[in-house]
Amino acid sequence: MRYVTIKDIANALGISKSTVSRALSADSRNVSGETIRKVVETAEKMGYRKNEMAVNLRNRRAKTIGIVVPEAVTSFYLQFTATVQRILQPYGYRIILTLSDEDFLTERSNFEIFDSYRVDGILISSCHHRANLEFYNGFIRRCIPMVFFDRTVAGLECSSVRSDDYHSAFFLVEHLIYKGYRRILHLAGPDYIRNTSERLRAYRDVLKKHGIDYRPELVITAGVDEKDGAEAMHRILDSGVDCNAVFCFTELQALGAKKVLQERHIAIPADMAVACMSGTKLATLVHPGITAVEQPLDRMAEEAVRLLLAKIENPMAPSENVVLPADMVIRSSTEK
């Protein structure tokens, strides 16, 4: 199978490729109405579709935006991407969605794909805020517009949009304290994700505010996914460390931790409360529902597109770093 080309239509009608091209563009000044009619009818019968990529390349615009996300298990990044696509469509842009799968080498390969397709701009949620710095800077030096969202990277000359991780985490942990939980375990994220340090800083600050001693044994580096959360919860329970609540870096972590607690007959929330950052609909589909901070994904997508289009239209436009408030949704996992 191959695509029908202008050459195929020209051969079928015994006319030149340039005449077919003009007829398909309805150029009535240079092509007769009868020829236009025959060309259009033949194109429809043969299943011809205009090669938009070739047209855009001739105009030096691919009209394509590359998107890199670190995971596609939860609806978090899929909702963001769907909103981006909806906003971009009226402007004539398509998207190429790629997955880094939490691997910086795969992320690098994603950028190589974008390079080969000559994308007009890139939206990225980074899987590692150090490993690909030089790669990012290489694209920035070539004036390829790039906007980081959610997982941003400090020190780059490009725009970003993220939620207010520090205050969101602070108020989530404080909610646990107000509910009577004072021995709070923190399943932290990897140190190569910028959000990790902000959430840990909030955890330490809120403990200090309420006169609760910081205990290093209650902070466990636990990755980002369900398996990581389950393994960390097994470790902490087997160690005998005393805790009565868990504050998780991600929703997937929380789901893994919750599964282990229930398998080991630890009641939620009576014996152990569970709360997490980056909540999605998944937090509502389990019992008990998980108290979570939910980021304003549609607003984040709107801001990311605004920032990217501004750079595409004017490469000299100033970079912006937008920080958005997030919502805490209280569910039965923290309600005694």
C-alpha atoms as a PDB file:
ATOM      1  CA  MET A   1       0.000   0.000   0.000  1.00  0.00           C
ATOM      2  CA  ARG A   2       1.171   3.549  -0.776  1.00  0.00           C
ATOM      3  CA  TYR A   3      -0.321   7.011  -0.761  1.00  0.00           C
ATOM      4  CA  VAL A   4      -1.743   8.540  -3.952  1.00  0.00           C
ATOM      5  CA  THR A   5       0.381  11.427  -5.215  1.00  0.00           C
ATOM      6  CA  ILE A   6      -0.096  14.365  -7.566  1.00  0.00           C
ATOM      7  CA  LYS A   7       2.064  12.461 -10.072  1.00  0.00           C
ATOM      8  CA  ASP A   8      -0.428   9.559 -10.019  1.00  0.00           C
ATOM      9  CA  ILE A   9      -3.327  11.913 -10.828  1.00  0.00           C
ATOM     10  CA  ALA A  10      -1.291  13.599 -13.575  1.00  0.00           C
ATOM     11  CA  ASN A  11      -0.477  10.219 -15.169  1.00  0.00           C
ATOM     12  CA  ALA A  12      -4.120   9.136 -14.989  1.00  0.00           C
ATOM     13  CA  LEU A  13      -5.285  12.300 -16.803  1.00  0.00           C
ATOM     14  CA  GLY A  14      -2.297  12.754 -19.103  1.00  0.00           C
ATOM     15  CA  ILE A  15      -1.533  16.263 -17.845  1.00  0.00           C
ATOM     16  CA  SER A  16       1.385  17.855 -16.000  1.00  0.00           C
ATOM     17  CA  LYS A  17       1.948  17.708 -12.238  1.00  0.00           C
ATOM     18  CA  SER A  18       1.923  21.518 -12.060  1.00  0.00           C
ATOM     19  CA  THR A  19      -1.525  21.617 -13.688  1.00  0.00           C
ATOM     20  CA  VAL A  20      -2.832  19.080 -11.145  1.00  0.00           C
ATOM     21  CA  SER A  21      -1.334  21.082  -8.297  1.00  0.00           C
ATOM     22  CA  ARG A  22      -2.943  24.309  -9.517  1.00  0.00           C
ATOM     23  CA  ALA A  23      -6.284  22.577 -10.072  1.00  0.00           C
ATOM     24  CA  LEU A  24      -6.300  21.148  -6.548  1.00  0.00           C
ATOM     25  CA  SER A  25      -5.667  24.673  -5.277  1.00  0.00           C
ATOM     26  CA  ALA A  26      -8.669  25.897  -7.356  1.00  0.00           C
ATOM     27  CA  ASP A  27      -6.401  28.225  -9.361  1.00  0.00           C
ATOM     28  CA  SER A  28      -9.043  29.295 -11.886  1.00  0.00           C
ATOM     29  CA  ARG A  29      -6.775  32.016 -13.312  1.00  0.00           C
ATOM     30  CA  ASN A  30      -4.378  29.432 -14.746  1.00  0.00           C
ATOM     31  CA  VAL A  31      -6.547  26.309 -15.090  1.00  0.00           C
ATOM     32  CA  SER A  32      -9.908  25.945 -16.804  1.00  0.00           C
ATOM     33  CA  GLY A  33     -13.002  25.102 -14.820  1.00  0.00           C
ATOM     34  CA  GLU A  34     -13.418  21.822 -16.724  1.00  0.00           C
ATOM     35  CA  THR A  35      -9.850  20.729 -15.887  1.00  0.00           C
ATOM     36  CA  ILE A  36     -10.338  21.618 -12.220  1.00  0.00           C
ATOM     37  CA  ARG A  37     -13.514  19.518 -12.189  1.00  0.00           C
ATOM     38  CA  LYS A  38     -11.781  16.504 -13.775  1.00  0.00           C
ATOM     39  CA  VAL A  39      -8.784  16.746 -11.462  1.00  0.00           C
ATOM     40  CA  VAL A  40     -10.938  16.992  -8.316  1.00  0.00           C
ATOM     41  CA  GLU A  41     -13.137  14.065  -9.406  1.00  0.00           C
ATOM     42  CA  THR A  42     -10.114  11.901 -10.220  1.00  0.00           C
ATOM     43  CA  ALA A  43      -8.414  12.810  -6.939  1.00  0.00           C
ATOM     44  CA  GLU A  44     -11.527  11.789  -4.997  1.00  0.00           C
ATOM     45  CA  LYS A  45     -11.871   8.487  -6.870  1.00  0.00           C
ATOM     46  CA  MET A  46      -8.195   7.639  -6.315  1.00  0.00           C
ATOM     47  CA  GLY A  47      -8.339   8.557  -2.600  1.00  0.00           C
ATOM     48  CA  TYR A  48      -5.855  11.417  -2.801  1.00  0.00           C
ATOM     49  CA  ARG A  49      -5.085  13.400   0.354  1.00  0.00           C
ATOM     50  CA  LYS A  50      -2.979  16.541   0.412  1.00  0.00           C
ATOM     51  CA  ASN A  51       0.495  16.046   1.921  1.00  0.00           C
ATOM     52  CA  GLU A  52       0.245  18.686   4.632  1.00  0.00           C
ATOM     53  CA  MET A  53       3.777  17.934   5.861  1.00  0.00           C
ATOM     54  CA  ALA A  54       5.251  18.763   2.451  1.00  0.00           C
ATOM     55  CA  VAL A  55       3.189  21.962   2.241  1.00  0.00           C
ATOM     56  CA  ASN A  56       4.268  23.032   5.712  1.00  0.00           C
ATOM     57  CA  LEU A  57       7.922  22.287   5.004  1.00  0.00           C
ATOM     58  CA  ARG A  58       7.764  24.446   1.884  1.00  0.00           C
ATOM     59  CA  ASN A  59       6.406  27.195   4.117  1.00  0.00           C
ATOM     60  CA  ARG A  60       9.164  26.419   6.671  1.00  0.00           C
ATOM     61  CA  ARG A  61       6.573  25.522   9.282  1.00  0.00           C
ATOM     62  CA  ALA A  62       5.752  21.943  10.274  1.00  0.00           C
ATOM     63  CA  LYS A  63       2.675  23.124  12.220  1.00  0.00           C
ATOM     64  CA  THR A  64       3.536  20.362  14.671  1.00  0.00           C
ATOM     65  CA  ILE A  65       4.148  20.455  18.433  1.00  0.00           C
ATOM     66  CA  GLY A  66       6.130  17.718  20.185  1.00  0.00           C
ATOM     67  CA  ILE A  67       5.070  16.635  23.670  1.00  0.00           C
ATOM     68  CA  VAL A  68       7.143  14.514  26.078  1.00  0.00           C
ATOM     69  CA  VAL A  69       5.512  12.967  29.148  1.00  0.00           C
ATOM     70  CA  PRO A  70       7.164  10.675  31.722  1.00  0.00           C
ATOM     71  CA  GLU A  71       4.287   8.209  32.193  1.00  0.00           C
ATOM     72  CA  ALA A  72       0.913   7.257  30.763  1.00  0.00           C
ATOM     73  CA  VAL A  73      -0.497   5.031  33.515  1.00  0.00           C
ATOM     74  CA  THR A  74      -2.618   7.684  35.201  1.00  0.00           C
ATOM     75  CA  SER A  75      -4.871  10.145  33.401  1.00  0.00           C
ATOM     76  CA  PHE A  76      -2.702  13.087  34.523  1.00  0.00           C
ATOM     77  CA  TYR A  77      -0.642  13.575  31.357  1.00  0.00           C
ATOM     78  CA  LEU A  78      -3.328  12.253  29.026  1.00  0.00           C
ATOM     79  CA  GLN A  79      -5.751  14.917  30.235  1.00  0.00           C
ATOM     80  CA  PHE A  80      -3.072  17.577  29.814  1.00  0.00           C
ATOM     81  CA  THR A  81      -2.342  16.372  26.274  1.00  0.00           C
ATOM     82  CA  ALA A  82      -6.019  16.215  25.297  1.00  0.00           C
ATOM     83  CA  THR A  83      -6.488  19.823  26.409  1.00  0.00           C
ATOM     84  CA  VAL A  84      -3.370  20.948  24.527  1.00  0.00           C
ATOM     85  CA  GLN A  85      -4.621  19.266  21.352  1.00  0.00           C
ATOM     86  CA  ARG A  86      -8.044  20.873  21.682  1.00  0.00           C
ATOM     87  CA  ILE A  87      -6.515  24.347  22.090  1.00  0.00           C
ATOM     88  CA  LEU A  88      -4.029  23.931  19.231  1.00  0.00           C
ATOM     89  CA  GLN A  89      -6.411  22.541  16.619  1.00  0.00           C
ATOM     90  CA  PRO A  90      -7.991  25.903  15.665  1.00  0.00           C
ATOM     91  CA  TYR A  91      -4.460  27.205  15.004  1.00  0.00           C
ATOM     92  CA  GLY A  92      -3.797  24.360  12.574  1.00  0.00           C
ATOM     93  CA  TYR A  93      -1.258  22.557  14.763  1.00  0.00           C
ATOM     94  CA  ARG A  94      -0.944  18.825  15.217  1.00  0.00           C
ATOM     95  CA  ILE A  95       0.830  17.102  18.098  1.00  0.00           C
ATOM     96  CA  ILE A  96       3.350  14.283  18.352  1.00  0.00           C
ATOM     97  CA  LEU A  97       3.034  12.641  21.773  1.00  0.00           C
ATOM     98  CA  THR A  98       6.046  10.711  23.077  1.00  0.00           C
ATOM     99  CA  LEU A  99       6.691   8.840  26.324  1.00  0.00           C
ATOM    100  CA  SER A 100      10.005   8.927  28.186  1.00  0.00           C
ATOM    101  CA  ASP A 101       8.834   6.170  30.558  1.00  0.00           C
ATOM    102  CA  GLU A 102      10.880   7.782  33.362  1.00  0.00           C
ATOM    103  CA  ASP A 103      14.113   7.159  31.392  1.00  0.00           C
ATOM    104  CA  PHE A 104      16.352  10.060  30.375  1.00  0.00           C
ATOM    105  CA  LEU A 105      17.861   8.152  27.428  1.00  0.00           C
ATOM    106  CA  THR A 106      14.403   7.478  26.033  1.00  0.00           C
ATOM    107  CA  GLU A 107      13.601  11.161  26.565  1.00  0.00           C
ATOM    108  CA  ARG A 108      16.688  12.021  24.514  1.00  0.00           C
ATOM    109  CA  SER A 109      15.443   9.749  21.713  1.00  0.00           C
ATOM    110  CA  ASN A 110      12.100  11.563  21.826  1.00  0.00           C
ATOM    111  CA  PHE A 111      13.928  14.834  21.158  1.00  0.00           C
ATOM    112  CA  GLU A 112      15.717  13.261  18.200  1.00  0.00           C
ATOM    113  CA  ILE A 113      12.310  12.341  16.765  1.00  0.00           C
ATOM    114  CA  PHE A 114      11.171  15.946  17.168  1.00  0.00           C
ATOM    115  CA  ASP A 115      14.353  17.134  15.470  1.00  0.00           C
ATOM    116  CA  SER A 116      13.766  14.881  12.464  1.00  0.00           C
ATOM    117  CA  TYR A 117      10.165  16.108  12.149  1.00  0.00           C
ATOM    118  CA  ARG A 118      11.247  19.751  12.494  1.00  0.00           C
ATOM    119  CA  VAL A 119       8.603  20.464  15.129  1.00  0.00           C
ATOM    120  CA  ASP A 120       7.696  24.102  15.728  1.00  0.00           C
ATOM    121  CA  GLY A 121       7.909  23.775  19.510  1.00  0.00           C
ATOM    122  CA  ILE A 122       8.159  21.330  22.404  1.00  0.00           C
ATOM    123  CA  LEU A 123       6.176  20.822  25.611  1.00  0.00           C
ATOM    124  CA  ILE A 124       7.983  18.632  28.114  1.00  0.00           C
ATOM    125  CA  SER A 125       7.546  17.245  31.609  1.00  0.00           C
ATOM    126  CA  SER A 126      11.079  16.160  32.432  1.00  0.00           C
ATOM    127  CA  CYS A 127      11.905  12.751  33.894  1.00  0.00           C
ATOM    128  CA  HIS A 128      15.325  13.925  35.203  1.00  0.00           C
ATOM    129  CA  HIS A 129      16.254  17.529  35.954  1.00  0.00           C
ATOM    130  CA  ARG A 130      20.010  17.022  35.466  1.00  0.00           C
ATOM    131  CA  ALA A 131      20.747  14.279  32.930  1.00  0.00           C
ATOM    132  CA  ASN A 132      19.611  16.080  29.755  1.00  0.00           C
ATOM    133  CA  LEU A 133      20.504  19.669  30.613  1.00  0.00           C
ATOM    134  CA  GLU A 134      22.978  20.019  27.759  1.00  0.00           C
ATOM    135  CA  PHE A 135      20.466  18.457  25.384  1.00  0.00           C
ATOM    136  CA  TYR A 136      17.803  20.986  26.423  1.00  0.00           C
ATOM    137  CA  ASN A 137      20.242  23.850  26.087  1.00  0.00           C
ATOM    138  CA  GLY A 138      21.201  22.675  22.601  1.00  0.00           C
ATOM    139  CA  PHE A 139      17.595  23.072  21.437  1.00  0.00           C
ATOM    140  CA  ILE A 140      17.264  26.413  23.211  1.00  0.00           C
ATOM    141  CA  ARG A 141      20.443  27.706  21.506  1.00  0.00           C
ATOM    142  CA  ARG A 142      18.902  26.755  18.146  1.00  0.00           C
ATOM    143  CA  CYS A 143      15.844  28.886  19.073  1.00  0.00           C
ATOM    144  CA  ILE A 144      13.457  25.925  19.109  1.00  0.00           C
ATOM    145  CA  PRO A 145      10.687  27.052  21.486  1.00  0.00           C
ATOM    146  CA  MET A 146      10.342  24.850  24.547  1.00  0.00           C
ATOM    147  CA  VAL A 147       8.058  25.012  27.586  1.00  0.00           C
ATOM    148  CA  PHE A 148       8.405  22.780  30.629  1.00  0.00           C
ATOM    149  CA  PHE A 149       5.262  21.817  32.524  1.00  0.00           C
ATOM    150  CA  ASP A 150       4.650  20.082  35.872  1.00  0.00           C
ATOM    151  CA  ARG A 151       8.170  18.651  36.245  1.00  0.00           C
ATOM    152  CA  THR A 152      10.210  21.714  35.409  1.00  0.00           C
ATOM    153  CA  VAL A 153      13.966  22.326  35.299  1.00  0.00           C
ATOM    154  CA  ALA A 154      15.610  25.314  36.980  1.00  0.00           C
ATOM    155  CA  GLY A 155      18.176  27.551  35.304  1.00  0.00           C
ATOM    156  CA  LEU A 156      17.068  27.229  31.669  1.00  0.00           C
ATOM    157  CA  GLU A 157      16.309  30.172  29.379  1.00  0.00           C
ATOM    158  CA  CYS A 158      12.803  29.008  28.539  1.00  0.00           C
ATOM    159  CA  SER A 159       9.290  29.262  29.928  1.00  0.00           C
ATOM    160  CA  SER A 160       7.662  26.882  32.396  1.00  0.00           C
ATOM    161  CA  VAL A 161       4.343  26.262  34.122  1.00  0.00           C
ATOM    162  CA  ARG A 162       3.832  24.203  37.259  1.00  0.00           C
ATOM    163  CA  SER A 163       1.625  24.001  40.304  1.00  0.00           C
ATOM    164  CA  ASP A 164       2.671  25.398  43.671  1.00  0.00           C
ATOM    165  CA  ASP A 165       4.200  22.199  45.049  1.00  0.00           C
ATOM    166  CA  TYR A 166       5.503  23.696  48.260  1.00  0.00           C
ATOM    167  CA  HIS A 167       2.257  25.179  49.563  1.00  0.00           C
ATOM    168  CA  SER A 168       0.138  22.293  48.272  1.00  0.00           C
ATOM    169  CA  ALA A 169       2.296  19.762  50.097  1.00  0.00           C
ATOM    170  CA  PHE A 170       2.427  21.955  53.209  1.00  0.00           C
ATOM    171  CA  PHE A 171      -1.351  22.159  53.509  1.00  0.00           C
ATOM    172  CA  LEU A 172      -1.795  18.448  52.745  1.00  0.00           C
ATOM    173  CA  VAL A 173       0.542  17.410  55.564  1.00  0.00           C
ATOM    174  CA  GLU A 174      -1.021  20.014  57.833  1.00  0.00           C
ATOM    175  CA  HIS A 175      -4.433  18.483  57.098  1.00  0.00           C
ATOM    176  CA  LEU A 176      -3.105  15.164  58.441  1.00  0.00           C
ATOM    177  CA  ILE A 177      -1.843  16.885  61.591  1.00  0.00           C
ATOM    178  CA  TYR A 178      -5.175  18.614  62.168  1.00  0.00           C
ATOM    179  CA  LYS A 179      -6.844  15.198  61.888  1.00  0.00           C
ATOM    180  CA  GLY A 180      -4.693  13.956  64.746  1.00  0.00           C
ATOM    181  CA  TYR A 181      -1.929  12.178  62.796  1.00  0.00           C
ATOM    182  CA  ARG A 182       1.496  13.189  64.083  1.00  0.00           C
ATOM    183  CA  ARG A 183       3.708  10.232  63.132  1.00  0.00           C
ATOM    184  CA  ILE A 184       3.657  10.914  59.405  1.00  0.00           C
ATOM    185  CA  LEU A 185       5.665   8.795  56.995  1.00  0.00           C
ATOM    186  CA  HIS A 186       6.804  10.525  53.797  1.00  0.00           C
ATOM    187  CA  LEU A 187       7.345   8.389  50.698  1.00  0.00           C
ATOM    188  CA  ALA A 188       9.586  10.839  48.861  1.00  0.00           C
ATOM    189  CA  GLY A 189      10.297  10.956  45.151  1.00  0.00           C
ATOM    190  CA  PRO A 190      13.689  10.552  43.469  1.00  0.00           C
ATOM    191  CA  ASP A 191      16.192  13.361  44.020  1.00  0.00           C
ATOM    192  CA  TYR A 192      16.508  13.903  40.253  1.00  0.00           C
ATOM    193  CA  ILE A 193      12.941  15.251  40.057  1.00  0.00           C
ATOM    194  CA  ARG A 194      12.719  18.899  41.109  1.00  0.00           C
ATOM    195  CA  ASN A 195       9.299  18.459  42.760  1.00  0.00           C
ATOM    196  CA  THR A 196      10.839  16.074  45.306  1.00  0.00           C
ATOM    197  CA  SER A 197      12.816  18.760  47.133  1.00  0.00           C
ATOM    198  CA  GLU A 198       9.856  21.155  47.275  1.00  0.00           C
ATOM    199  CA  ARG A 199       7.546  18.549  48.779  1.00  0.00           C
ATOM    200  CA  LEU A 200      10.161  17.386  51.285  1.00  0.00           C
ATOM    201  CA  ARG A 201      10.866  20.982  52.316  1.00  0.00           C
ATOM    202  CA  ALA A 202       7.144  21.520  52.905  1.00  0.00           C
ATOM    203  CA  TYR A 203       6.957  18.326  54.973  1.00  0.00           C
ATOM    204  CA  ARG A 204       9.819  19.436  57.227  1.00  0.00           C
ATOM    205  CA  ASP A 205       8.493  22.990  57.582  1.00  0.00           C
ATOM    206  CA  VAL A 206       4.977  21.947  58.578  1.00  0.00           C
ATOM    207  CA  LEU A 207       6.337  19.534  61.196  1.00  0.00           C
ATOM    208  CA  LYS A 208       8.419  22.364  62.617  1.00  0.00           C
ATOM    209  CA  LYS A 209       5.420  24.705  62.657  1.00  0.00           C
ATOM    210  CA  HIS A 210       3.457  22.213  64.773  1.00  0.00           C
ATOM    211  CA  GLY A 211       6.312  21.333  67.131  1.00  0.00           C
ATOM    212  CA  ILE A 212       6.764  17.793  65.758  1.00  0.00           C
ATOM    213  CA  ASP A 213      10.317  16.473  65.623  1.00  0.00           C
ATOM    214  CA  TYR A 214      11.654  15.573  62.182  1.00  0.00           C
ATOM    215  CA  ARG A 215      12.586  11.873  62.163  1.00  0.00           C
ATOM    216  CA  PRO A 216      14.826  10.799  59.255  1.00  0.00           C
ATOM    217  CA  GLU A 217      13.582   7.211  59.522  1.00  0.00           C
ATOM    218  CA  LEU A 218      10.123   8.451  58.485  1.00  0.00           C
ATOM    219  CA  VAL A 219      11.373   9.709  55.108  1.00  0.00           C
ATOM    220  CA  ILE A 220      11.840   6.941  52.549  1.00  0.00           C
ATOM    221  CA  THR A 221      12.940   7.482  48.950  1.00  0.00           C
ATOM    222  CA  ALA A 222      10.301   5.496  47.133  1.00  0.00           C
ATOM    223  CA  GLY A 223      10.406   6.169  43.389  1.00  0.00           C
ATOM    224  CA  VAL A 224       7.254   7.202  41.558  1.00  0.00           C
ATOM    225  CA  ASP A 225       5.071   4.213  40.712  1.00  0.00           C
ATOM    226  CA  GLU A 226       2.806   1.646  42.359  1.00  0.00           C
ATOM    227  CA  LYS A 227       5.543  -0.966  42.724  1.00  0.00           C
ATOM    228  CA  ASP A 228       7.839   1.584  44.388  1.00  0.00           C
ATOM    229  CA  GLY A 229       5.129   2.574  46.860  1.00  0.00           C
ATOM    230  CA  ALA A 230       4.361  -1.055  47.721  1.00  0.00           C
ATOM    231  CA  GLU A 231       8.016  -1.960  48.278  1.00  0.00           C
ATOM    232  CA  ALA A 232       8.583   1.099  50.462  1.00  0.00           C
ATOM    233  CA  MET A 233       5.522   0.327  52.571  1.00  0.00           C
ATOM    234  CA  HIS A 234       6.637  -3.275  53.065  1.00  0.00           C
ATOM    235  CA  ARG A 235      10.058  -2.017  54.204  1.00  0.00           C
ATOM    236  CA  ILE A 236       8.680   0.460  56.698  1.00  0.00           C
ATOM    237  CA  LEU A 237       6.197  -2.016  58.185  1.00  0.00           C
ATOM    238  CA  ASP A 238       8.833  -4.741  58.448  1.00  0.00           C
ATOM    239  CA  SER A 239      11.229  -2.330  60.155  1.00  0.00           C
ATOM    240  CA  GLY A 240       8.767  -1.665  62.975  1.00  0.00           C
ATOM    241  CA  VAL A 241       9.018   2.134  62.582  1.00  0.00           C
ATOM    242  CA  ASP A 242       6.006   3.680  64.303  1.00  0.00           C
ATOM    243  CA  CYS A 243       3.791   5.768  62.009  1.00  0.00           C
ATOM    244  CA  ASN A 244       0.087   6.397  61.613  1.00  0.00           C
ATOM    245  CA  ALA A 245      -0.125   8.307  58.310  1.00  0.00           C
ATOM    246  CA  VAL A 246       1.649   8.298  54.957  1.00  0.00           C
ATOM    247  CA  PHE A 247       2.193  11.298  52.686  1.00  0.00           C
ATOM    248  CA  CYS A 248       3.026  10.071  49.170  1.00  0.00           C
ATOM    249  CA  PHE A 249       4.925  11.803  46.381  1.00  0.00           C
ATOM    250  CA  THR A 250       2.567  10.480  43.692  1.00  0.00           C
ATOM    251  CA  GLU A 251      -0.844   8.899  43.353  1.00  0.00           C
ATOM    252  CA  LEU A 252       0.660   5.659  42.015  1.00  0.00           C
ATOM    253  CA  GLN A 253       2.925   5.442  45.065  1.00  0.00           C
ATOM    254  CA  ALA A 254      -0.130   5.890  47.271  1.00  0.00           C
ATOM    255  CA  LEU A 255      -2.033   3.142  45.466  1.00  0.00           C
ATOM    256  CA  GLY A 256       0.862   0.730  45.982  1.00  0.00           C
ATOM    257  CA  ALA A 257       1.203   1.660  49.655  1.00  0.00           C
ATOM    258  CA  LYS A 258      -2.551   1.383  50.203  1.00  0.00           C
ATOM    259  CA  LYS A 259      -2.642  -2.087  48.639  1.00  0.00           C
ATOM    260  CA  VAL A 260       0.050  -3.322  51.038  1.00  0.00           C
ATOM    261  CA  LEU A 261      -1.692  -1.806  54.060  1.00  0.00           C
ATOM    262  CA  GLN A 262      -4.934  -3.549  53.183  1.00  0.00           C
ATOM    263  CA  GLU A 263      -3.217  -6.855  52.443  1.00  0.00           C
ATOM    264  CA  ARG A 264      -1.632  -6.673  55.895  1.00  0.00           C
ATOM    265  CA  HIS A 265      -4.996  -5.846  57.510  1.00  0.00           C
ATOM    266  CA  ILE A 266      -4.040  -2.337  58.559  1.00  0.00           C
ATOM    267  CA  ALA A 267      -7.231  -0.284  58.561  1.00  0.00           C
ATOM    268  CA  ILE A 268      -7.388   2.951  56.553  1.00  0.00           C
ATOM    269  CA  PRO A 269      -7.786   5.534  58.028  1.00  0.00           C
ATOM    270  CA  ALA A 270      -8.265   4.160  61.564  1.00  0.00           C
ATOM    271  CA  ASP A 271      -4.733   2.740  61.815  1.00  0.00           C
ATOM    272  CA  MET A 272      -3.020   4.562  58.952  1.00  0.00           C
ATOM    273  CA  ALA A 273      -4.131   7.560  56.907  1.00  0.00           C
ATOM    274  CA  VAL A 274      -3.111   7.857  53.249  1.00  0.00           C
ATOM    275  CA  ALA A 275      -2.693  11.102  51.276  1.00  0.00           C
ATOM    276  CA  CYS A 276      -0.861  11.976  48.082  1.00  0.00           C
ATOM    277  CA  MET A 277       0.178  14.616  45.601  1.00  0.00           C
ATOM    278  CA  SER A 278      -0.710  14.588  41.865  1.00  0.00           C
ATOM    279  CA  GLY A 279      -4.141  13.045  42.332  1.00  0.00           C
ATOM    280  CA  THR A 280      -6.354  12.058  39.391  1.00  0.00           C
ATOM    281  CA  LYS A 281      -9.605  10.116  38.965  1.00  0.00           C
ATOM    282  CA  LEU A 282      -7.768   6.978  40.108  1.00  0.00           C
ATOM    283  CA  ALA A 283      -7.909   8.312  43.665  1.00  0.00           C
ATOM    284  CA  THR A 284     -11.714   8.136  43.494  1.00  0.00           C
ATOM    285  CA  LEU A 285     -11.933   4.607  42.073  1.00  0.00           C
ATOM    286  CA  VAL A 286     -10.599   2.793  45.136  1.00  0.00           C
ATOM    287  CA  HIS A 287     -11.995   2.275  48.622  1.00  0.00           C
ATOM    288  CA  PRO A 288     -11.477   4.270  50.651  1.00  0.00           C
ATOM    289  CA  GLY A 289     -11.010   7.188  48.275  1.00  0.00           C
ATOM    290  CA  ILE A 290      -7.608   8.856  48.663  1.00  0.00           C
ATOM    291  CA  THR A 291      -7.203  12.416  49.900  1.00  0.00           C
ATOM    292  CA  ALA A 292      -5.090  14.140  47.252  1.00  0.00           C
ATOM    293  CA  VAL A 293      -3.762  17.388  45.887  1.00  0.00           C
ATOM    294  CA  GLU A 294      -5.129  17.734  42.355  1.00  0.00           C
ATOM    295  CA  GLN A 295      -3.377  20.032  39.938  1.00  0.00           C
ATOM    296  CA  PRO A 296      -5.283  22.379  37.577  1.00  0.00           C
ATOM    297  CA  LEU A 297      -4.417  20.407  34.442  1.00  0.00           C
ATOM    298  CA  ASP A 298      -6.627  22.311  32.000  1.00  0.00           C
ATOM    299  CA  ARG A 299      -5.277  25.645  33.220  1.00  0.00           C
ATOM    300  CA  MET A 300      -1.726  24.267  33.082  1.00  0.00           C
ATOM    301  CA  ALA A 301      -2.290  23.178  29.472  1.00  0.00           C
ATOM    302  CA  GLU A 302      -3.760  26.569  28.557  1.00  0.00           C
ATOM    303  CA  GLU A 303      -0.775  28.395  30.028  1.00  0.00           C
ATOM    304  CA  ALA A 304       1.725  26.020  28.414  1.00  0.00           C
ATOM    305  CA  VAL A 305       0.168  26.560  24.971  1.00  0.00           C
ATOM    306  CA  ARG A 306       0.030  30.331  25.484  1.00  0.00           C
ATOM    307  CA  LEU A 307       3.710  30.440  26.422  1.00  0.00           C
ATOM    308  CA  LEU A 308       4.740  28.183  23.531  1.00  0.00           C
ATOM    309  CA  LEU A 309       2.766  30.031  20.843  1.00  0.00           C
ATOM    310  CA  ALA A 310       4.187  33.332  22.093  1.00  0.00           C
ATOM    311  CA  LYS A 311       7.715  31.991  21.525  1.00  0.00           C
ATOM    312  CA  ILE A 312       6.825  30.509  18.121  1.00  0.00           C
ATOM    313  CA  GLU A 313       5.424  33.846  16.933  1.00  0.00           C
ATOM    314  CA  ASN A 314       8.217  35.887  18.488  1.00  0.00           C
ATOM    315  CA  PRO A 315      11.430  34.050  19.468  1.00  0.00           C
ATOM    316  CA  MET A 316      12.503  37.185  21.369  1.00  0.00           C
ATOM    317  CA  ALA A 317       9.421  37.123  23.619  1.00  0.00           C
ATOM    318  CA  PRO A 318      10.456  37.036  27.289  1.00  0.00           C
ATOM    319  CA  SER A 319      10.379  33.701  29.100  1.00  0.00           C
ATOM    320  CA  GLU A 320       7.854  33.294  31.902  1.00  0.00           C
ATOM    321  CA  ASN A 321       7.717  30.936  34.874  1.00  0.00           C
ATOM    322  CA  VAL A 322       4.083  30.458  35.831  1.00  0.00           C
ATOM    323  CA  VAL A 323       3.109  28.924  39.185  1.00  0.00           C
ATOM    324  CA  LEU A 324      -0.514  27.833  39.636  1.00  0.00           C
ATOM    325  CA  PRO A 325      -2.435  27.033  42.833  1.00  0.00           C
ATOM    326  CA  ALA A 326      -3.690  23.461  43.262  1.00  0.00           C
ATOM    327  CA  ASP A 327      -6.701  22.019  45.090  1.00  0.00           C
ATOM    328  CA  MET A 328      -6.726  19.620  48.036  1.00  0.00           C
ATOM    329  CA  VAL A 329      -9.610  17.152  47.779  1.00  0.00           C
ATOM    330  CA  ILE A 330     -10.363  15.480  51.113  1.00  0.00           C
ATOM    331  CA  ARG A 331     -11.645  11.906  50.933  1.00  0.00           C
ATOM    332  CA  SER A 332     -12.218   9.091  53.388  1.00  0.00           C
ATOM    333  CA  SER A 333      -8.587   7.869  53.495  1.00  0.00           C
ATOM    334  CA  THR A 334      -7.830  10.626  56.029  1.00  0.00           C
ATOM    335  CA  GLU A 335     -11.226  10.977  57.711  1.00  0.00           C
ATOM    336  CA  LYS A 336     -11.359   9.109  61.012  1.00  0.00           C
END
